[in-house]
Protein backbone atom coordinates (compact mmCIF):
# COMPACT_ATOMS: atom_id res chain seq x y z
CA MET A 1 -9.78 6.62 47.46
CA PHE A 2 -10.13 4.07 44.02
CA ASP A 3 -8.93 4.56 41.05
CA PHE A 4 -11.79 3.18 39.51
CA THR A 5 -10.72 4.81 35.45
CA LEU A 6 -7.91 2.36 36.16
CA LEU A 7 -9.97 -0.83 37.78
CA GLY A 8 -12.21 -0.46 34.72
CA SER A 9 -9.37 -0.51 32.40
CA ILE A 10 -7.77 -4.27 33.93
CA ALA A 11 -10.82 -5.70 34.25
CA ILE A 12 -11.72 -4.93 30.78
CA ILE A 13 -8.17 -6.29 29.46
CA HIS A 14 -9.09 -9.44 31.55
CA ILE A 15 -12.17 -10.16 30.29
CA ILE A 16 -10.77 -10.02 26.90
CA ALA A 17 -7.69 -12.27 27.95
CA LEU A 18 -10.04 -14.60 29.38
CA ALA A 19 -12.42 -15.38 27.22
CA SER A 20 -9.58 -15.98 24.34
CA PRO A 21 -8.76 -19.60 24.34
CA GLY A 22 -6.14 -21.08 25.59
CA PRO A 23 -4.59 -23.65 28.66
CA ASP A 24 -7.65 -22.94 31.07
CA PHE A 25 -10.08 -22.97 28.58
CA ALA A 26 -8.62 -26.43 27.29
CA ILE A 27 -8.67 -28.49 31.08
CA MET A 28 -12.03 -27.19 31.62
CA LEU A 29 -13.43 -29.41 28.44
CA LYS A 30 -11.45 -31.78 29.43
CA VAL A 31 -12.69 -31.48 33.29
CA SER A 32 -15.83 -30.88 31.79
CA ARG A 33 -16.48 -33.61 29.96
CA HIS A 34 -16.31 -36.74 32.62
CA GLN A 35 -16.43 -35.21 36.09
CA THR A 36 -19.35 -33.96 37.95
CA ARG A 37 -19.70 -30.30 38.58
CA ALA A 38 -18.66 -30.43 41.89
CA VAL A 39 -15.41 -31.32 40.69
CA ALA A 40 -15.49 -28.71 37.61
CA MET A 41 -16.28 -25.94 39.53
CA MET A 42 -13.56 -26.53 42.11
CA THR A 43 -11.36 -26.53 38.89
CA ALA A 44 -12.27 -22.72 37.69
CA LEU A 45 -11.90 -22.22 41.23
CA GLY A 46 -8.38 -22.85 41.34
CA ILE A 47 -7.76 -21.07 37.62
CA ALA A 48 -8.82 -18.28 40.13
CA ALA A 49 -6.74 -18.65 43.13
CA ALA A 50 -3.70 -18.90 39.85
CA ILE A 51 -4.77 -15.44 38.94
CA LEU A 52 -5.07 -14.59 42.09
CA ALA A 53 -1.62 -15.69 43.10
CA HIS A 54 0.31 -14.15 39.70
CA THR A 55 -1.42 -10.07 40.35
CA VAL A 56 0.22 -10.96 43.89
CA ALA A 57 3.47 -11.79 42.53
CA SER A 58 3.09 -9.07 40.29
CA LEU A 59 1.95 -6.27 42.56
CA THR A 60 4.51 -6.50 45.31
CA GLY A 61 7.55 -7.36 42.98
CA LEU A 62 7.86 -11.20 43.27
CA SER A 63 6.97 -11.49 39.20
CA LEU A 64 9.38 -8.67 38.51
CA LEU A 65 12.44 -10.42 40.32
CA ILE A 66 11.70 -13.73 38.63
CA HIS A 67 11.86 -12.14 35.06
CA THR A 68 15.16 -10.04 35.70
CA THR A 69 17.08 -13.43 37.52
CA PRO A 70 17.83 -15.04 34.24
CA TRP A 71 18.74 -18.48 36.20
CA LEU A 72 15.40 -18.37 38.39
CA PHE A 73 13.18 -17.66 35.01
CA GLY A 74 14.23 -20.22 33.03
CA ALA A 75 13.90 -22.63 35.57
CA VAL A 76 10.10 -21.71 36.22
CA GLN A 77 10.15 -21.51 31.74
CA ALA A 78 11.11 -24.71 32.19
CA LEU A 79 9.02 -25.87 34.44
CA GLY A 80 6.09 -24.74 33.39
CA ALA A 81 6.80 -26.28 29.91
CA SER A 82 7.52 -29.49 31.19
CA TYR A 83 3.68 -29.28 33.07
CA LEU A 84 2.11 -28.56 30.24
CA GLY A 85 4.40 -30.34 27.80
CA TYR A 86 2.99 -33.65 30.33
CA MET A 87 -0.70 -32.97 29.92
CA GLY A 88 -0.11 -32.70 26.30
CA MET A 89 1.13 -36.05 25.98
CA GLY A 90 -1.41 -37.06 28.35
CA ALA A 91 -4.11 -35.47 25.79
CA LEU A 92 -2.68 -37.50 22.81
CA MET A 93 -2.80 -40.53 24.64
CA SER A 94 -6.52 -40.02 25.87
CA VAL A 95 -7.38 -39.82 21.56
CA ARG A 96 -5.52 -43.01 21.10
CA LYS A 97 -7.06 -44.65 23.88
CA GLN A 98 -10.54 -43.59 22.34
CA PHE A 99 -9.88 -44.72 19.52
CA LEU A 100 -9.03 -47.83 20.48
CA LEU A 101 -12.12 -48.53 22.69
CA ARG A 102 -14.01 -47.27 19.39
CA ARG A 103 -12.19 -50.08 17.17
CA ALA A 104 -13.29 -52.18 19.89
CA LEU A 105 -17.18 -52.04 20.34
CA PRO A 106 -19.98 -53.36 18.37
CA LEU A 107 -21.12 -50.77 15.84
CA SER A 108 -24.35 -50.35 18.34
CA ALA A 109 -22.65 -49.41 21.21
CA GLU A 110 -20.41 -47.10 19.73
CA SER A 111 -23.90 -44.96 17.60
CA ALA A 112 -25.87 -45.09 20.90
CA PRO A 113 -26.02 -41.46 21.19
CA LYS A 114 -26.71 -41.62 25.03
CA ASP A 115 -23.51 -43.84 26.06
CA MET A 116 -19.96 -42.58 27.58
CA PRO A 117 -17.23 -44.57 26.35
CA GLN A 118 -16.60 -47.22 29.03
CA ASN A 119 -13.12 -46.58 29.88
CA ALA A 120 -14.05 -42.59 30.81
CA GLU A 121 -11.49 -41.55 31.67
CA PRO A 122 -11.17 -42.14 35.80
CA MET A 123 -13.01 -39.47 38.28
CA LEU A 124 -11.13 -36.72 40.23
CA SER A 125 -12.13 -35.56 43.92
CA THR A 126 -12.85 -32.53 43.77
CA ALA A 127 -8.93 -31.53 45.97
CA LYS A 128 -7.50 -32.92 42.83
CA GLY A 129 -9.98 -30.44 40.39
CA PHE A 130 -8.73 -27.48 42.39
CA ARG A 131 -5.09 -28.87 41.70
CA LEU A 132 -5.22 -29.59 38.19
CA GLY A 133 -6.69 -25.74 37.86
CA LEU A 134 -4.28 -24.08 39.77
CA TYR A 135 -1.12 -26.12 38.49
CA THR A 136 -2.11 -25.39 34.50
CA ASN A 137 -2.55 -21.28 35.18
CA LEU A 138 0.46 -21.56 38.12
CA LEU A 139 2.81 -23.23 35.91
CA ASN A 140 2.17 -21.42 32.32
CA PRO A 141 5.23 -18.79 32.46
CA LYS A 142 3.05 -16.67 29.48
CA ALA A 143 0.91 -16.28 32.30
CA LEU A 144 3.34 -15.08 34.16
CA VAL A 145 4.88 -12.83 31.47
CA PHE A 146 1.17 -11.48 30.88
CA PHE A 147 -0.13 -10.36 34.47
CA LEU A 148 3.87 -8.80 34.69
CA THR A 149 3.50 -7.02 31.54
CA LEU A 150 0.07 -5.56 32.63
CA PHE A 151 0.38 -4.15 35.76
CA SER A 152 3.36 -2.79 34.96
CA ALA A 153 2.53 -1.08 32.67
CA MET A 154 -0.82 -0.12 34.29
CA VAL A 155 -0.13 -0.17 37.90
CA GLY A 156 2.65 3.12 38.97
CA PRO A 157 3.52 3.17 42.65
CA GLU A 158 0.98 6.28 42.65
CA VAL A 159 -1.41 3.73 43.20
CA GLY A 160 -2.69 3.85 46.66
CA GLY A 161 -3.66 0.66 48.86
CA PRO A 162 -7.07 0.79 48.53
CA THR A 163 -7.02 0.10 44.98
CA ARG A 164 -4.37 -2.42 44.99
CA ILE A 165 -6.40 -4.37 47.39
CA ALA A 166 -9.31 -4.27 45.01
CA LEU A 167 -7.64 -5.04 41.81
CA LEU A 168 -7.08 -8.33 44.10
CA VAL A 169 -10.18 -8.61 44.33
CA LEU A 170 -11.74 -7.74 40.80
CA MET A 171 -8.92 -10.68 39.49
CA PHE A 172 -10.39 -12.97 41.42
CA THR A 173 -13.87 -12.37 41.13
CA LEU A 174 -13.41 -12.07 37.58
CA SER A 175 -11.74 -14.97 36.71
CA PHE A 176 -13.75 -17.54 39.55
CA ALA A 177 -16.91 -15.62 37.19
CA TRP A 178 -15.80 -16.85 34.06
CA PHE A 179 -14.60 -20.53 34.75
CA GLY A 180 -16.91 -20.82 37.08
CA LEU A 181 -19.54 -20.34 34.48
CA LEU A 182 -18.03 -22.54 32.28
CA ALA A 183 -18.34 -25.27 34.51
CA VAL A 184 -21.92 -24.97 35.05
CA LEU A 185 -22.84 -24.91 31.54
CA LEU A 186 -20.38 -26.81 30.61
CA THR A 187 -21.43 -29.77 32.86
CA LYS A 188 -25.36 -29.96 31.82
CA SER A 189 -26.34 -32.90 30.78
CA SER A 190 -26.88 -32.20 27.08
CA SER A 191 -23.52 -30.24 27.05
CA GLN A 192 -21.52 -33.46 28.95
CA ARG A 193 -22.74 -35.66 26.16
CA ALA A 194 -22.01 -33.29 22.88
CA LEU A 195 -18.23 -32.78 24.44
CA VAL A 196 -18.16 -36.93 24.97
CA ARG A 197 -18.84 -37.01 21.53
CA MET A 198 -16.49 -34.52 21.18
CA GLY A 199 -13.91 -36.17 23.11
CA PRO A 200 -11.56 -37.19 20.64
CA VAL A 201 -11.54 -34.20 18.90
CA ILE A 202 -10.86 -31.74 22.04
CA ASP A 203 -8.41 -34.43 23.22
CA LEU A 204 -6.78 -33.07 20.22
CA LEU A 205 -6.64 -29.77 20.58
CA THR A 206 -5.53 -29.96 24.25
CA GLY A 207 -2.99 -31.93 23.38
CA VAL A 208 -1.96 -30.14 20.40
CA LEU A 209 -2.57 -26.49 22.20
CA PHE A 210 -0.21 -27.58 25.21
CA LEU A 211 2.48 -29.13 22.85
CA MET A 212 2.88 -26.07 21.01
CA VAL A 213 3.38 -23.91 23.91
CA SER A 214 5.93 -26.37 25.42
CA VAL A 215 7.52 -26.65 22.67
CA ALA A 216 7.45 -23.11 21.63
CA ILE A 217 9.01 -22.26 25.72
CA LEU A 218 11.94 -25.33 25.19
CA TYR A 219 13.25 -23.92 21.73
CA GLY A 220 12.86 -20.00 23.18
CA LEU A 221 15.23 -21.40 26.10
CA ALA A 222 17.19 -23.12 24.44
CA ALA A 223 17.98 -20.42 21.95
CA GLU A 224 18.43 -18.36 24.47
CA TYR A 225 20.77 -20.34 26.20
CA LEU A 226 22.26 -22.85 23.69
CA GLY A 227 22.62 -20.36 20.92
């Protein structure tokens, strides 16, 4: 009834992919620094929902349709790259903002270990946290290609409905378990204090990562359509 060998193989590959640093991990670090645990958990849920959507699209052939329709795939790539670039620029602007704030603070206030910056990022609602996680993964063209490649290579037409449904449950459950665990660990008070101290470094790395992915996608599009 269920192809447990296939389910186990895809679970291992997905766990490795989840543990690899990328935009999803970066956004969890950024959200967990100043937001509540509830917001961080909703961000994790948004990422898991996006992964579920990628899985559904791959198993139903929608991702293949997008990937094999040049203009449509190009539009998806451009939209995703623009979003990631916007997020990257926002992270780099946050670095500048924190740098200017720390220069303006008295030395005693700046060195107080329990302080959070006075202009900490605005608190997000749980709905905004969910959308942030959802868009970060859903609009990442590299995620679309990864899941399309994974399921195209491993899930053939002979795989039955029960196994396909089990794959949907498996991908969502593993994703939410991983990012939910990150949300719990990173929103502990001790973790948040450490993340606040490392705030500029986290934002810098996040901004560079998002911009690198964005530029790589846009460069590939330019080379394909203009070169």
